[in-house]
Amino acid sequence: MGKLRQILAIGFGVSFIWVGIQHFTNTAFFTPIVPELLGVPEFWVYVSGLVEVILGIGMVAPVSRRRSAFSTAIFLVLVYWANLNMWIHDISIGDTNFSTSGHILRALTQLVMIWLAFWIAEWPVKKGM
């Protein structure tokens, strides 16, 4: 399982880096789903993009992989607020407006990514490890 965990960590990390960079190069794509309560959507898009790049780099690097993967799981829980905001207020992202089934699929995908991050982090740690 060690090799599979390593490959998935690198793939997940690189994906996170790519999406994080998109927050800087295509900010307008992400701003509509930032909850109004937070104010200044561009700020939150940049902050979340920076966090994604840092977490992605951390997952690629073996020395920080476990901590970064665990932090990624927590981050994914927190940023789901934007996806939920998109669903509740029927907000389009890019040229896409998701159906209820699409939002449910997004939520399930988010759960799988959270599970994957915890699995990469080998959390919870078993006694004796």
C-alpha atoms as a PDB file:
ATOM      1  CA  MET A   1       0.000   0.000   0.000  1.00  0.00           C
ATOM      2  CA  GLY A   2       2.948   2.336   0.533  1.00  0.00           C
ATOM      3  CA  LYS A   3       3.644   2.840  -3.175  1.00  0.00           C
ATOM      4  CA  LEU A   4      -0.036   3.433  -3.999  1.00  0.00           C
ATOM      5  CA  ARG A   5      -0.292   5.964  -1.146  1.00  0.00           C
ATOM      6  CA  GLN A   6       2.815   7.745  -2.480  1.00  0.00           C
ATOM      7  CA  ILE A   7       1.516   7.872  -6.071  1.00  0.00           C
ATOM      8  CA  LEU A   8      -1.912   9.133  -4.997  1.00  0.00           C
ATOM      9  CA  ALA A   9      -0.338  11.717  -2.681  1.00  0.00           C
ATOM     10  CA  ILE A  10       1.778  13.087  -5.521  1.00  0.00           C
ATOM     11  CA  GLY A  11      -1.179  13.127  -7.929  1.00  0.00           C
ATOM     12  CA  PHE A  12      -3.467  14.751  -5.372  1.00  0.00           C
ATOM     13  CA  GLY A  13      -0.756  17.256  -4.449  1.00  0.00           C
ATOM     14  CA  VAL A  14      -0.068  18.233  -8.057  1.00  0.00           C
ATOM     15  CA  SER A  15      -3.824  18.617  -8.639  1.00  0.00           C
ATOM     16  CA  PHE A  16      -4.064  20.890  -5.619  1.00  0.00           C
ATOM     17  CA  ILE A  17      -1.147  22.993  -6.874  1.00  0.00           C
ATOM     18  CA  TRP A  18      -2.798  23.328 -10.293  1.00  0.00           C
ATOM     19  CA  VAL A  19      -6.179  24.339  -8.845  1.00  0.00           C
ATOM     20  CA  GLY A  20      -4.466  26.741  -6.460  1.00  0.00           C
ATOM     21  CA  ILE A  21      -2.690  28.437  -9.364  1.00  0.00           C
ATOM     22  CA  GLN A  22      -6.058  28.743 -11.133  1.00  0.00           C
ATOM     23  CA  HIS A  23      -7.232  30.881  -8.205  1.00  0.00           C
ATOM     24  CA  PHE A  24      -4.614  33.467  -9.266  1.00  0.00           C
ATOM     25  CA  THR A  25      -4.924  33.144 -13.043  1.00  0.00           C
ATOM     26  CA  ASN A  26      -8.721  32.882 -13.266  1.00  0.00           C
ATOM     27  CA  THR A  27      -9.951  34.601 -10.113  1.00  0.00           C
ATOM     28  CA  ALA A  28     -13.282  35.616 -11.662  1.00  0.00           C
ATOM     29  CA  PHE A  29     -14.189  31.933 -12.062  1.00  0.00           C
ATOM     30  CA  PHE A  30     -14.124  31.388  -8.278  1.00  0.00           C
ATOM     31  CA  THR A  31     -15.428  34.693  -6.879  1.00  0.00           C
ATOM     32  CA  PRO A  32     -19.173  34.075  -7.447  1.00  0.00           C
ATOM     33  CA  ILE A  33     -19.300  31.160  -4.984  1.00  0.00           C
ATOM     34  CA  VAL A  34     -17.592  32.962  -2.078  1.00  0.00           C
ATOM     35  CA  PRO A  35     -20.289  33.458   0.585  1.00  0.00           C
ATOM     36  CA  GLU A  36     -21.306  37.133   0.806  1.00  0.00           C
ATOM     37  CA  LEU A  37     -20.896  37.049   4.567  1.00  0.00           C
ATOM     38  CA  LEU A  38     -17.116  36.851   4.089  1.00  0.00           C
ATOM     39  CA  GLY A  39     -16.952  40.016   1.954  1.00  0.00           C
ATOM     40  CA  VAL A  40     -14.203  40.806  -0.608  1.00  0.00           C
ATOM     41  CA  PRO A  41     -14.432  37.554  -2.593  1.00  0.00           C
ATOM     42  CA  GLU A  42     -11.149  38.149  -4.443  1.00  0.00           C
ATOM     43  CA  PHE A  43      -9.285  38.139  -1.126  1.00  0.00           C
ATOM     44  CA  TRP A  44     -10.740  34.751  -0.174  1.00  0.00           C
ATOM     45  CA  VAL A  45     -10.070  33.325  -3.631  1.00  0.00           C
ATOM     46  CA  TYR A  46      -6.405  34.368  -3.368  1.00  0.00           C
ATOM     47  CA  VAL A  47      -6.063  33.074   0.197  1.00  0.00           C
ATOM     48  CA  SER A  48      -7.648  29.717  -0.620  1.00  0.00           C
ATOM     49  CA  GLY A  49      -5.508  29.451  -3.760  1.00  0.00           C
ATOM     50  CA  LEU A  50      -2.342  30.100  -1.766  1.00  0.00           C
ATOM     51  CA  VAL A  51      -3.381  27.507   0.817  1.00  0.00           C
ATOM     52  CA  GLU A  52      -4.053  24.985  -1.947  1.00  0.00           C
ATOM     53  CA  VAL A  53      -0.607  25.532  -3.475  1.00  0.00           C
ATOM     54  CA  ILE A  54       1.078  25.160  -0.063  1.00  0.00           C
ATOM     55  CA  LEU A  55      -0.915  22.026   0.804  1.00  0.00           C
ATOM     56  CA  GLY A  56      -0.225  20.546  -2.630  1.00  0.00           C
ATOM     57  CA  ILE A  57       3.520  21.115  -2.297  1.00  0.00           C
ATOM     58  CA  GLY A  58       3.347  19.617   1.183  1.00  0.00           C
ATOM     59  CA  MET A  59       1.650  16.466  -0.122  1.00  0.00           C
ATOM     60  CA  VAL A  60       4.219  16.027  -2.867  1.00  0.00           C
ATOM     61  CA  ALA A  61       7.139  16.333  -0.427  1.00  0.00           C
ATOM     62  CA  PRO A  62       7.498  13.108   1.615  1.00  0.00           C
ATOM     63  CA  VAL A  63       8.748  14.961   4.699  1.00  0.00           C
ATOM     64  CA  SER A  64       5.505  16.947   5.053  1.00  0.00           C
ATOM     65  CA  ARG A  65       3.068  14.565   3.369  1.00  0.00           C
ATOM     66  CA  ARG A  66       1.182  13.312   6.424  1.00  0.00           C
ATOM     67  CA  ARG A  67       0.726  16.737   7.991  1.00  0.00           C
ATOM     68  CA  SER A  68      -0.244  18.313   4.666  1.00  0.00           C
ATOM     69  CA  ALA A  69      -2.685  15.537   3.821  1.00  0.00           C
ATOM     70  CA  PHE A  70      -4.360  15.857   7.219  1.00  0.00           C
ATOM     71  CA  SER A  71      -4.511  19.645   6.779  1.00  0.00           C
ATOM     72  CA  THR A  72      -5.950  19.142   3.289  1.00  0.00           C
ATOM     73  CA  ALA A  73      -8.815  17.092   4.719  1.00  0.00           C
ATOM     74  CA  ILE A  74      -9.624  19.889   7.177  1.00  0.00           C
ATOM     75  CA  PHE A  75      -9.298  22.507   4.415  1.00  0.00           C
ATOM     76  CA  LEU A  76     -11.716  20.558   2.188  1.00  0.00           C
ATOM     77  CA  VAL A  77     -14.281  20.513   4.987  1.00  0.00           C
ATOM     78  CA  LEU A  78     -13.947  24.286   5.435  1.00  0.00           C
ATOM     79  CA  VAL A  79     -14.116  25.254   1.766  1.00  0.00           C
ATOM     80  CA  TYR A  80     -17.186  23.111   1.189  1.00  0.00           C
ATOM     81  CA  TRP A  81     -19.029  26.167   2.515  1.00  0.00           C
ATOM     82  CA  ALA A  82     -18.443  27.800  -0.903  1.00  0.00           C
ATOM     83  CA  ASN A  83     -19.854  24.756  -2.721  1.00  0.00           C
ATOM     84  CA  LEU A  84     -22.847  24.696  -0.402  1.00  0.00           C
ATOM     85  CA  ASN A  85     -23.350  28.435  -1.011  1.00  0.00           C
ATOM     86  CA  MET A  86     -23.287  27.718  -4.745  1.00  0.00           C
ATOM     87  CA  TRP A  87     -25.921  25.006  -4.316  1.00  0.00           C
ATOM     88  CA  ILE A  88     -28.261  26.919  -1.986  1.00  0.00           C
ATOM     89  CA  HIS A  89     -28.187  30.120  -4.060  1.00  0.00           C
ATOM     90  CA  ASP A  90     -28.090  28.381  -7.467  1.00  0.00           C
ATOM     91  CA  ILE A  91     -24.884  30.180  -8.455  1.00  0.00           C
ATOM     92  CA  SER A  92     -23.227  29.406 -11.784  1.00  0.00           C
ATOM     93  CA  ILE A  93     -19.493  28.816 -11.855  1.00  0.00           C
ATOM     94  CA  GLY A  94     -17.948  29.605 -15.200  1.00  0.00           C
ATOM     95  CA  ASP A  95     -20.639  28.711 -17.687  1.00  0.00           C
ATOM     96  CA  THR A  96     -21.910  25.833 -15.562  1.00  0.00           C
ATOM     97  CA  ASN A  97     -25.055  25.742 -13.489  1.00  0.00           C
ATOM     98  CA  PHE A  98     -25.327  22.440 -11.639  1.00  0.00           C
ATOM     99  CA  SER A  99     -28.536  20.478 -11.229  1.00  0.00           C
ATOM    100  CA  THR A 100     -29.386  18.998  -7.834  1.00  0.00           C
ATOM    101  CA  SER A 101     -27.796  15.737  -9.012  1.00  0.00           C
ATOM    102  CA  GLY A 102     -24.670  17.664 -10.018  1.00  0.00           C
ATOM    103  CA  HIS A 103     -24.434  19.260  -6.580  1.00  0.00           C
ATOM    104  CA  ILE A 104     -24.911  15.896  -4.896  1.00  0.00           C
ATOM    105  CA  LEU A 105     -22.150  14.438  -7.074  1.00  0.00           C
ATOM    106  CA  ARG A 106     -19.902  17.391  -6.111  1.00  0.00           C
ATOM    107  CA  ALA A 107     -20.639  16.758  -2.428  1.00  0.00           C
ATOM    108  CA  LEU A 108     -19.834  13.049  -2.809  1.00  0.00           C
ATOM    109  CA  THR A 109     -16.632  13.935  -4.673  1.00  0.00           C
ATOM    110  CA  GLN A 110     -15.683  16.261  -1.817  1.00  0.00           C
ATOM    111  CA  LEU A 111     -16.271  13.431   0.680  1.00  0.00           C
ATOM    112  CA  VAL A 112     -14.075  11.095  -1.371  1.00  0.00           C
ATOM    113  CA  MET A 113     -11.317  13.734  -1.475  1.00  0.00           C
ATOM    114  CA  ILE A 114     -11.584  14.210   2.313  1.00  0.00           C
ATOM    115  CA  TRP A 115     -11.361  10.439   2.793  1.00  0.00           C
ATOM    116  CA  LEU A 116      -8.389  10.269   0.396  1.00  0.00           C
ATOM    117  CA  ALA A 117      -6.569  13.034   2.265  1.00  0.00           C
ATOM    118  CA  PHE A 118      -7.097  11.233   5.592  1.00  0.00           C
ATOM    119  CA  TRP A 119      -5.961   7.961   4.009  1.00  0.00           C
ATOM    120  CA  ILE A 120      -2.790   9.600   2.670  1.00  0.00           C
ATOM    121  CA  ALA A 121      -2.219  11.050   6.143  1.00  0.00           C
ATOM    122  CA  GLU A 122      -2.660   7.545   7.582  1.00  0.00           C
ATOM    123  CA  TRP A 123      -5.197   8.969   9.996  1.00  0.00           C
ATOM    124  CA  PRO A 124      -6.268   7.929  12.501  1.00  0.00           C
ATOM    125  CA  VAL A 125      -2.884   6.684  13.619  1.00  0.00           C
ATOM    126  CA  LYS A 126      -3.053   3.157  14.997  1.00  0.00           C
ATOM    127  CA  LYS A 127      -1.650   2.486  18.460  1.00  0.00           C
ATOM    128  CA  GLY A 128       1.926   1.294  18.367  1.00  0.00           C
ATOM    129  CA  MET A 129       2.826   3.330  15.297  1.00  0.00           C
END
